[in-house]
Amino acid sequence: MSELQNAVHNSKKFHQTVTVEVDDIERAYESLMDGDAGASDHTDYVDTQGQDGRPLREVWGWDDETAEGKMEWRVHLLKRA
């Protein structure tokens, strides 16, 4: 299982945000969207910064069965220092 697959799996299982340090945020995001990491039917994201000022993309997902206003998982893609 890839690091991104583990992140989505653990976020779903433990109902918490999981942070993954990556070399290329866009490439990691594309991997999530390709379904390689077991992402959901629906996703959204916001680009921001981590506490130390590094670029961070917060990505979350939900399925049609997910309650209104809720998410199934949340992963932070943090640019590796």
PDB file of N, CA and C in Angstrom:
ATOM      1  N   MET A   1       0.853  -1.172   0.000  1.00  0.00           N
ATOM      2  CA  MET A   1       0.000   0.000   0.000  1.00  0.00           C
ATOM      3  C   MET A   1       0.902   1.239   0.000  1.00  0.00           C
ATOM      4  N   SER A   2       0.591   2.194  -0.853  1.00  0.00           N
ATOM      5  CA  SER A   2       1.400   3.412  -0.959  1.00  0.00           C
ATOM      6  C   SER A   2       1.162   4.319   0.258  1.00  0.00           C
ATOM      7  N   GLU A   3       2.035   5.282   0.414  1.00  0.00           N
ATOM      8  CA  GLU A   3       1.915   6.236   1.514  1.00  0.00           C
ATOM      9  C   GLU A   3       0.592   7.003   1.440  1.00  0.00           C
ATOM     10  N   LEU A   4       0.169   7.362   0.222  1.00  0.00           N
ATOM     11  CA  LEU A   4      -1.099   8.084   0.069  1.00  0.00           C
ATOM     12  C   LEU A   4      -2.288   7.177   0.374  1.00  0.00           C
ATOM     13  N   GLN A   5      -2.213   5.921  -0.051  1.00  0.00           N
ATOM     14  CA  GLN A   5      -3.274   4.965   0.280  1.00  0.00           C
ATOM     15  C   GLN A   5      -3.386   4.812   1.789  1.00  0.00           C
ATOM     16  N   ASN A   6      -2.240   4.690   2.465  1.00  0.00           N
ATOM     17  CA  ASN A   6      -2.241   4.585   3.925  1.00  0.00           C
ATOM     18  C   ASN A   6      -2.851   5.815   4.571  1.00  0.00           C
ATOM     19  N   ALA A   7      -2.532   6.990   4.039  1.00  0.00           N
ATOM     20  CA  ALA A   7      -3.056   8.237   4.605  1.00  0.00           C
ATOM     21  C   ALA A   7      -4.575   8.283   4.520  1.00  0.00           C
ATOM     22  N   VAL A   8      -5.127   7.970   3.352  1.00  0.00           N
ATOM     23  CA  VAL A   8      -6.589   7.974   3.182  1.00  0.00           C
ATOM     24  C   VAL A   8      -7.212   6.907   4.076  1.00  0.00           C
ATOM     25  N   HIS A   9      -6.634   5.716   4.069  1.00  0.00           N
ATOM     26  CA  HIS A   9      -7.150   4.614   4.893  1.00  0.00           C
ATOM     27  C   HIS A   9      -7.170   4.996   6.372  1.00  0.00           C
ATOM     28  N   ASN A  10      -6.052   5.547   6.873  1.00  0.00           N
ATOM     29  CA  ASN A  10      -5.970   5.915   8.284  1.00  0.00           C
ATOM     30  C   ASN A  10      -6.902   7.063   8.632  1.00  0.00           C
ATOM     31  N   SER A  11      -7.072   8.004   7.725  1.00  0.00           N
ATOM     32  CA  SER A  11      -7.995   9.098   7.966  1.00  0.00           C
ATOM     33  C   SER A  11      -9.421   8.577   8.094  1.00  0.00           C
ATOM     34  N   LYS A  12      -9.788   7.654   7.209  1.00  0.00           N
ATOM     35  CA  LYS A  12     -11.126   7.045   7.277  1.00  0.00           C
ATOM     36  C   LYS A  12     -11.292   6.248   8.571  1.00  0.00           C
ATOM     37  N   LYS A  13     -10.298   5.446   8.881  1.00  0.00           N
ATOM     38  CA  LYS A  13     -10.379   4.536  10.028  1.00  0.00           C
ATOM     39  C   LYS A  13     -10.409   5.273  11.368  1.00  0.00           C
ATOM     40  N   PHE A  14      -9.552   6.284  11.506  1.00  0.00           N
ATOM     41  CA  PHE A  14      -9.420   6.965  12.791  1.00  0.00           C
ATOM     42  C   PHE A  14     -10.138   8.316  12.851  1.00  0.00           C
ATOM     43  N   HIS A  15     -10.794   8.702  11.744  1.00  0.00           N
ATOM     44  CA  HIS A  15     -11.554   9.954  11.683  1.00  0.00           C
ATOM     45  C   HIS A  15     -10.690  11.154  12.086  1.00  0.00           C
ATOM     46  N   GLN A  16      -9.517  11.230  11.461  1.00  0.00           N
ATOM     47  CA  GLN A  16      -8.623  12.347  11.743  1.00  0.00           C
ATOM     48  C   GLN A  16      -7.889  12.764  10.477  1.00  0.00           C
ATOM     49  N   THR A  17      -7.323  13.968  10.530  1.00  0.00           N
ATOM     50  CA  THR A  17      -6.538  14.476   9.415  1.00  0.00           C
ATOM     51  C   THR A  17      -5.163  13.824   9.449  1.00  0.00           C
ATOM     52  N   VAL A  18      -4.701  13.368   8.288  1.00  0.00           N
ATOM     53  CA  VAL A  18      -3.385  12.744   8.174  1.00  0.00           C
ATOM     54  C   VAL A  18      -2.525  13.628   7.278  1.00  0.00           C
ATOM     55  N   THR A  19      -1.308  13.929   7.730  1.00  0.00           N
ATOM     56  CA  THR A  19      -0.383  14.755   6.960  1.00  0.00           C
ATOM     57  C   THR A  19       0.669  13.877   6.305  1.00  0.00           C
ATOM     58  N   VAL A  20       0.893  14.123   5.013  1.00  0.00           N
ATOM     59  CA  VAL A  20       1.915  13.402   4.250  1.00  0.00           C
ATOM     60  C   VAL A  20       2.856  14.442   3.652  1.00  0.00           C
ATOM     61  N   GLU A  21       4.149  14.310   3.915  1.00  0.00           N
ATOM     62  CA  GLU A  21       5.131  15.187   3.280  1.00  0.00           C
ATOM     63  C   GLU A  21       5.438  14.637   1.894  1.00  0.00           C
ATOM     64  N   VAL A  22       5.377  15.516   0.893  1.00  0.00           N
ATOM     65  CA  VAL A  22       5.580  15.108  -0.499  1.00  0.00           C
ATOM     66  C   VAL A  22       6.546  16.073  -1.182  1.00  0.00           C
ATOM     67  N   ASP A  23       7.203  15.578  -2.226  1.00  0.00           N
ATOM     68  CA  ASP A  23       8.108  16.424  -3.001  1.00  0.00           C
ATOM     69  C   ASP A  23       7.342  17.342  -3.947  1.00  0.00           C
ATOM     70  N   ASP A  24       6.214  16.845  -4.471  1.00  0.00           N
ATOM     71  CA  ASP A  24       5.440  17.590  -5.466  1.00  0.00           C
ATOM     72  C   ASP A  24       3.959  17.482  -5.100  1.00  0.00           C
ATOM     73  N   ILE A  25       3.403  18.561  -4.591  1.00  0.00           N
ATOM     74  CA  ILE A  25       2.008  18.554  -4.144  1.00  0.00           C
ATOM     75  C   ILE A  25       1.061  18.229  -5.296  1.00  0.00           C
ATOM     76  N   GLU A  26       1.269  18.842  -6.455  1.00  0.00           N
ATOM     77  CA  GLU A  26       0.362  18.621  -7.586  1.00  0.00           C
ATOM     78  C   GLU A  26       0.367  17.156  -8.024  1.00  0.00           C
ATOM     79  N   ARG A  27       1.537  16.566  -8.064  1.00  0.00           N
ATOM     80  CA  ARG A  27       1.648  15.158  -8.466  1.00  0.00           C
ATOM     81  C   ARG A  27       0.975  14.231  -7.444  1.00  0.00           C
ATOM     82  N   ALA A  28       1.166  14.518  -6.163  1.00  0.00           N
ATOM     83  CA  ALA A  28       0.515  13.724  -5.121  1.00  0.00           C
ATOM     84  C   ALA A  28      -1.001  13.879  -5.204  1.00  0.00           C
ATOM     85  N   TYR A  29      -1.464  15.085  -5.445  1.00  0.00           N
ATOM     86  CA  TYR A  29      -2.898  15.330  -5.585  1.00  0.00           C
ATOM     87  C   TYR A  29      -3.458  14.559  -6.781  1.00  0.00           C
ATOM     88  N   GLU A  30      -2.753  14.597  -7.894  1.00  0.00           N
ATOM     89  CA  GLU A  30      -3.194  13.862  -9.081  1.00  0.00           C
ATOM     90  C   GLU A  30      -3.281  12.366  -8.790  1.00  0.00           C
ATOM     91  N   SER A  31      -2.356  11.852  -8.015  1.00  0.00           N
ATOM     92  CA  SER A  31      -2.393  10.446  -7.641  1.00  0.00           C
ATOM     93  C   SER A  31      -3.647  10.137  -6.824  1.00  0.00           C
ATOM     94  N   LEU A  32      -4.004  11.032  -5.923  1.00  0.00           N
ATOM     95  CA  LEU A  32      -5.248  10.855  -5.167  1.00  0.00           C
ATOM     96  C   LEU A  32      -6.459  10.856  -6.100  1.00  0.00           C
ATOM     97  N   MET A  33      -6.473  11.774  -7.055  1.00  0.00           N
ATOM     98  CA  MET A  33      -7.610  11.907  -7.955  1.00  0.00           C
ATOM     99  C   MET A  33      -7.704  10.770  -8.969  1.00  0.00           C
ATOM    100  N   ASP A  34      -6.585  10.149  -9.280  1.00  0.00           N
ATOM    101  CA  ASP A  34      -6.601   9.013 -10.206  1.00  0.00           C
ATOM    102  C   ASP A  34      -7.196   7.772  -9.560  1.00  0.00           C
ATOM    103  N   GLY A  35      -7.458   7.852  -8.268  1.00  0.00           N
ATOM    104  CA  GLY A  35      -8.017   6.707  -7.570  1.00  0.00           C
ATOM    105  C   GLY A  35      -6.972   5.754  -7.049  1.00  0.00           C
ATOM    106  N   ASP A  36      -5.700   6.068  -7.286  1.00  0.00           N
ATOM    107  CA  ASP A  36      -4.635   5.184  -6.819  1.00  0.00           C
ATOM    108  C   ASP A  36      -4.632   5.038  -5.307  1.00  0.00           C
ATOM    109  N   ALA A  37      -5.118   6.027  -4.610  1.00  0.00           N
ATOM    110  CA  ALA A  37      -5.047   6.013  -3.154  1.00  0.00           C
ATOM    111  C   ALA A  37      -6.379   5.684  -2.495  1.00  0.00           C
ATOM    112  N   GLY A  38      -7.371   5.293  -3.279  1.00  0.00           N
ATOM    113  CA  GLY A  38      -8.661   4.941  -2.700  1.00  0.00           C
ATOM    114  C   GLY A  38      -9.491   6.132  -2.296  1.00  0.00           C
ATOM    115  N   ALA A  39      -9.321   7.242  -3.017  1.00  0.00           N
ATOM    116  CA  ALA A  39     -10.087   8.450  -2.717  1.00  0.00           C
ATOM    117  C   ALA A  39     -11.576   8.217  -2.991  1.00  0.00           C
ATOM    118  N   SER A  40     -12.398   9.157  -2.584  1.00  0.00           N
ATOM    119  CA  SER A  40     -13.849   9.037  -2.658  1.00  0.00           C
ATOM    120  C   SER A  40     -14.401   9.498  -4.000  1.00  0.00           C
ATOM    121  N   ASP A  41     -15.727   9.386  -4.119  1.00  0.00           N
ATOM    122  CA  ASP A  41     -16.421   9.817  -5.326  1.00  0.00           C
ATOM    123  C   ASP A  41     -16.296  11.321  -5.541  1.00  0.00           C
ATOM    124  N   HIS A  42     -16.281  12.062  -4.452  1.00  0.00           N
ATOM    125  CA  HIS A  42     -16.256  13.520  -4.510  1.00  0.00           C
ATOM    126  C   HIS A  42     -15.096  14.035  -3.664  1.00  0.00           C
ATOM    127  N   THR A  43     -14.403  15.034  -4.172  1.00  0.00           N
ATOM    128  CA  THR A  43     -13.284  15.607  -3.416  1.00  0.00           C
ATOM    129  C   THR A  43     -13.256  17.118  -3.602  1.00  0.00           C
ATOM    130  N   ASP A  44     -12.551  17.753  -2.711  1.00  0.00           N
ATOM    131  CA  ASP A  44     -12.314  19.184  -2.821  1.00  0.00           C
ATOM    132  C   ASP A  44     -10.989  19.464  -2.131  1.00  0.00           C
ATOM    133  N   TYR A  45     -10.464  20.659  -2.326  1.00  0.00           N
ATOM    134  CA  TYR A  45      -9.201  21.011  -1.686  1.00  0.00           C
ATOM    135  C   TYR A  45      -9.069  22.515  -1.558  1.00  0.00           C
ATOM    136  N   VAL A  46      -8.103  22.900  -0.719  1.00  0.00           N
ATOM    137  CA  VAL A  46      -7.733  24.299  -0.581  1.00  0.00           C
ATOM    138  C   VAL A  46      -6.220  24.341  -0.420  1.00  0.00           C
ATOM    139  N   ASP A  47      -5.587  25.276  -1.109  1.00  0.00           N
ATOM    140  CA  ASP A  47      -4.147  25.478  -0.976  1.00  0.00           C
ATOM    141  C   ASP A  47      -3.909  26.531   0.098  1.00  0.00           C
ATOM    142  N   THR A  48      -2.985  26.227   0.984  1.00  0.00           N
ATOM    143  CA  THR A  48      -2.669  27.117   2.093  1.00  0.00           C
ATOM    144  C   THR A  48      -1.215  26.904   2.481  1.00  0.00           C
ATOM    145  N   GLN A  49      -0.867  27.234   3.701  1.00  0.00           N
ATOM    146  CA  GLN A  49       0.497  27.041   4.195  1.00  0.00           C
ATOM    147  C   GLN A  49       0.455  26.274   5.505  1.00  0.00           C
ATOM    148  N   GLY A  50       1.506  25.454   5.727  1.00  0.00           N
ATOM    149  CA  GLY A  50       1.656  24.777   7.002  1.00  0.00           C
ATOM    150  C   GLY A  50       2.116  25.767   8.054  1.00  0.00           C
ATOM    151  N   GLN A  51       2.198  25.321   9.294  1.00  0.00           N
ATOM    152  CA  GLN A  51       2.607  26.193  10.398  1.00  0.00           C
ATOM    153  C   GLN A  51       3.974  26.805  10.168  1.00  0.00           C
ATOM    154  N   ASP A  52       4.834  26.100   9.457  1.00  0.00           N
ATOM    155  CA  ASP A  52       6.189  26.603   9.220  1.00  0.00           C
ATOM    156  C   ASP A  52       6.307  27.360   7.894  1.00  0.00           C
ATOM    157  N   GLY A  53       5.170  27.660   7.275  1.00  0.00           N
ATOM    158  CA  GLY A  53       5.162  28.440   6.039  1.00  0.00           C
ATOM    159  C   GLY A  53       5.321  27.627   4.760  1.00  0.00           C
ATOM    160  N   ARG A  54       5.512  26.304   4.890  1.00  0.00           N
ATOM    161  CA  ARG A  54       5.633  25.482   3.688  1.00  0.00           C
ATOM    162  C   ARG A  54       4.267  25.336   3.016  1.00  0.00           C
ATOM    163  N   PRO A  55       4.258  25.219   1.667  1.00  0.00           N
ATOM    164  CA  PRO A  55       3.002  25.014   0.963  1.00  0.00           C
ATOM    165  C   PRO A  55       2.291  23.746   1.452  1.00  0.00           C
ATOM    166  N   LEU A  56       0.978  23.844   1.585  1.00  0.00           N
ATOM    167  CA  LEU A  56       0.156  22.739   2.055  1.00  0.00           C
ATOM    168  C   LEU A  56      -1.135  22.724   1.258  1.00  0.00           C
ATOM    169  N   ARG A  57      -1.542  21.548   0.806  1.00  0.00           N
ATOM    170  CA  ARG A  57      -2.852  21.379   0.161  1.00  0.00           C
ATOM    171  C   ARG A  57      -3.679  20.481   1.057  1.00  0.00           C
ATOM    172  N   GLU A  58      -4.788  21.014   1.536  1.00  0.00           N
ATOM    173  CA  GLU A  58      -5.715  20.239   2.348  1.00  0.00           C
ATOM    174  C   GLU A  58      -6.745  19.627   1.393  1.00  0.00           C
ATOM    175  N   VAL A  59      -6.814  18.304   1.379  1.00  0.00           N
ATOM    176  CA  VAL A  59      -7.700  17.572   0.476  1.00  0.00           C
ATOM    177  C   VAL A  59      -8.669  16.754   1.312  1.00  0.00           C
ATOM    178  N   TRP A  60      -9.941  16.746   0.915  1.00  0.00           N
ATOM    179  CA  TRP A  60     -10.918  15.934   1.631  1.00  0.00           C
ATOM    180  C   TRP A  60     -11.868  15.293   0.631  1.00  0.00           C
ATOM    181  N   GLY A  61     -12.511  14.225   1.087  1.00  0.00           N
ATOM    182  CA  GLY A  61     -13.398  13.500   0.189  1.00  0.00           C
ATOM    183  C   GLY A  61     -14.620  12.951   0.894  1.00  0.00           C
ATOM    184  N   TRP A  62     -15.642  12.673   0.094  1.00  0.00           N
ATOM    185  CA  TRP A  62     -16.881  12.110   0.599  1.00  0.00           C
ATOM    186  C   TRP A  62     -17.533  11.296  -0.504  1.00  0.00           C
ATOM    187  N   ASP A  63     -18.429  10.417  -0.121  1.00  0.00           N
ATOM    188  CA  ASP A  63     -19.189   9.589  -1.046  1.00  0.00           C
ATOM    189  C   ASP A  63     -20.651  10.007  -0.992  1.00  0.00           C
ATOM    190  N   ASP A  64     -21.445   9.454  -1.893  1.00  0.00           N
ATOM    191  CA  ASP A  64     -22.865   9.793  -1.922  1.00  0.00           C
ATOM    192  C   ASP A  64     -23.570   9.418  -0.619  1.00  0.00           C
ATOM    193  N   GLU A  65     -23.038   8.417   0.103  1.00  0.00           N
ATOM    194  CA  GLU A  65     -23.645   7.965   1.354  1.00  0.00           C
ATOM    195  C   GLU A  65     -23.223   8.806   2.559  1.00  0.00           C
ATOM    196  N   THR A  66     -22.240   9.684   2.383  1.00  0.00           N
ATOM    197  CA  THR A  66     -21.741  10.501   3.487  1.00  0.00           C
ATOM    198  C   THR A  66     -22.791  11.538   3.873  1.00  0.00           C
ATOM    199  N   ALA A  67     -22.980  11.717   5.172  1.00  0.00           N
ATOM    200  CA  ALA A  67     -23.979  12.673   5.671  1.00  0.00           C
ATOM    201  C   ALA A  67     -23.675  14.081   5.156  1.00  0.00           C
ATOM    202  N   GLU A  68     -24.723  14.838   4.951  1.00  0.00           N
ATOM    203  CA  GLU A  68     -24.612  16.220   4.473  1.00  0.00           C
ATOM    204  C   GLU A  68     -23.674  17.029   5.369  1.00  0.00           C
ATOM    205  N   GLY A  69     -22.735  17.731   4.762  1.00  0.00           N
ATOM    206  CA  GLY A  69     -21.813  18.578   5.494  1.00  0.00           C
ATOM    207  C   GLY A  69     -20.660  17.836   6.156  1.00  0.00           C
ATOM    208  N   LYS A  70     -20.558  16.542   5.932  1.00  0.00           N
ATOM    209  CA  LYS A  70     -19.488  15.738   6.538  1.00  0.00           C
ATOM    210  C   LYS A  70     -18.510  15.309   5.456  1.00  0.00           C
ATOM    211  N   MET A  71     -17.349  14.830   5.881  1.00  0.00           N
ATOM    212  CA  MET A  71     -16.371  14.287   4.952  1.00  0.00           C
ATOM    213  C   MET A  71     -15.984  12.894   5.424  1.00  0.00           C
ATOM    214  N   GLU A  72     -15.547  12.082   4.494  1.00  0.00           N
ATOM    215  CA  GLU A  72     -15.145  10.717   4.817  1.00  0.00           C
ATOM    216  C   GLU A  72     -13.681  10.666   5.255  1.00  0.00           C
ATOM    217  N   TRP A  73     -12.864  11.538   4.665  1.00  0.00           N
ATOM    218  CA  TRP A  73     -11.432  11.567   4.985  1.00  0.00           C
ATOM    219  C   TRP A  73     -10.873  12.950   4.704  1.00  0.00           C
ATOM    220  N   ARG A  74      -9.694  13.227   5.335  1.00  0.00           N
ATOM    221  CA  ARG A  74      -8.989  14.501   5.103  1.00  0.00           C
ATOM    222  C   ARG A  74      -7.495  14.240   5.183  1.00  0.00           C
ATOM    223  N   VAL A  75      -6.778  14.703   4.154  1.00  0.00           N
ATOM    224  CA  VAL A  75      -5.341  14.517   4.079  1.00  0.00           C
ATOM    225  C   VAL A  75      -4.681  15.863   3.765  1.00  0.00           C
ATOM    226  N   HIS A  76      -3.600  16.159   4.479  1.00  0.00           N
ATOM    227  CA  HIS A  76      -2.787  17.335   4.188  1.00  0.00           C
ATOM    228  C   HIS A  76      -1.573  16.882   3.387  1.00  0.00           C
ATOM    229  N   LEU A  77      -1.388  17.478   2.220  1.00  0.00           N
ATOM    230  CA  LEU A  77      -0.195  17.253   1.408  1.00  0.00           C
ATOM    231  C   LEU A  77       0.749  18.409   1.675  1.00  0.00           C
ATOM    232  N   LEU A  78       1.811  18.155   2.408  1.00  0.00           N
ATOM    233  CA  LEU A  78       2.748  19.184   2.853  1.00  0.00           C
ATOM    234  C   LEU A  78       4.036  19.075   2.058  1.00  0.00           C
ATOM    235  N   LYS A  79       4.446  20.189   1.468  1.00  0.00           N
ATOM    236  CA  LYS A  79       5.698  20.230   0.681  1.00  0.00           C
ATOM    237  C   LYS A  79       6.868  19.870   1.600  1.00  0.00           C
ATOM    238  N   ARG A  80       7.622  18.859   1.177  1.00  0.00           N
ATOM    239  CA  ARG A  80       8.783  18.416   1.945  1.00  0.00           C
ATOM    240  C   ARG A  80       9.817  19.538   2.003  1.00  0.00           C
ATOM    241  N   ALA A  81      10.401  19.728   3.178  1.00  0.00           N
ATOM    242  CA  ALA A  81      11.409  20.782   3.375  1.00  0.00           C
ATOM    243  C   ALA A  81      12.699  20.431   2.666  1.00  0.00           C
TER     244      ALA A  81
END
